[in-house]
Amino acid sequence: MSKRLYKIEQGRILFGVCGGLAEYLNVDPSIVRILWAVLGLCYGTGILLYLVCAIILPNKSQVE
């Protein structure tokens, strides 16, 4: 089975993008959230990228 990128429903904070990315990369979701926050605060593109991912990525239940 190939790996798919998706949003999670269980344990999500806002839209589940960071949790889905953490599952895809097999790392702790807190690390992904911290890195994404730093990217958003330093460059501002992280916020826009997060919103685009929240719109485009399917939910985990839709993928399975």
Protein backbone atom coordinates (compact mmCIF):
# COMPACT_ATOMS: atom_id res chain seq x y z
CA MET A 1 0.00 0.00 0.00
CA SER A 2 1.37 3.43 -0.90
CA LYS A 3 1.60 6.25 1.61
CA ARG A 4 -1.02 8.97 1.28
CA LEU A 5 -1.09 12.44 2.76
CA TYR A 6 -4.36 13.33 4.51
CA LYS A 7 -5.89 15.26 7.42
CA ILE A 8 -6.71 13.42 10.64
CA GLU A 9 -9.97 13.64 12.58
CA GLN A 10 -8.83 12.17 15.92
CA GLY A 11 -6.50 14.40 17.93
CA ARG A 12 -6.58 17.36 15.62
CA ILE A 13 -6.08 20.93 16.84
CA LEU A 14 -7.39 23.07 13.95
CA PHE A 15 -7.92 21.19 10.71
CA GLY A 16 -5.74 18.10 11.27
CA VAL A 17 -3.09 19.02 8.69
CA CYS A 18 -0.11 18.78 11.08
CA GLY A 19 -1.34 15.48 12.51
CA GLY A 20 -1.73 14.00 9.05
CA LEU A 21 1.71 15.22 8.02
CA ALA A 22 3.18 13.76 11.22
CA GLU A 23 1.62 10.36 10.46
CA TYR A 24 2.96 10.55 6.90
CA LEU A 25 6.49 11.37 8.11
CA ASN A 26 6.21 9.04 11.15
CA VAL A 27 7.17 11.74 13.68
CA ASP A 28 5.53 13.29 16.73
CA PRO A 29 2.74 15.75 15.81
CA SER A 30 4.06 18.30 18.32
CA ILE A 31 7.29 18.61 16.36
CA VAL A 32 5.41 19.26 13.14
CA ARG A 33 3.18 21.84 14.86
CA ILE A 34 6.18 23.69 16.30
CA LEU A 35 8.02 23.73 12.97
CA TRP A 36 4.90 24.91 11.14
CA ALA A 37 4.36 27.71 13.70
CA VAL A 38 7.97 28.88 13.31
CA LEU A 39 7.59 28.83 9.53
CA GLY A 40 4.38 30.85 9.81
CA LEU A 41 5.82 33.41 12.19
CA CYS A 42 9.15 33.90 10.42
CA TYR A 43 8.11 33.94 6.80
CA GLY A 44 4.32 34.19 6.80
CA THR A 45 3.99 31.63 4.03
CA GLY A 46 3.30 28.86 6.55
CA ILE A 47 -0.12 30.30 7.29
CA LEU A 48 -1.10 30.41 3.64
CA LEU A 49 0.32 26.94 3.01
CA TYR A 50 -1.59 25.54 6.00
CA LEU A 51 -4.87 26.97 4.71
CA VAL A 52 -4.26 25.56 1.23
CA CYS A 53 -3.51 22.13 2.72
CA ALA A 54 -6.63 22.33 4.90
CA ILE A 55 -8.74 22.90 1.79
CA ILE A 56 -7.06 20.44 -0.57
CA LEU A 57 -6.15 17.42 1.58
CA PRO A 58 -8.84 14.77 2.11
CA ASN A 59 -9.79 13.48 5.56
CA LYS A 60 -8.36 10.15 6.68
CA SER A 61 -11.80 8.52 6.61
CA GLN A 62 -12.20 9.50 2.93
CA VAL A 63 -8.86 7.90 1.97
CA GLU A 64 -9.39 4.51 3.61
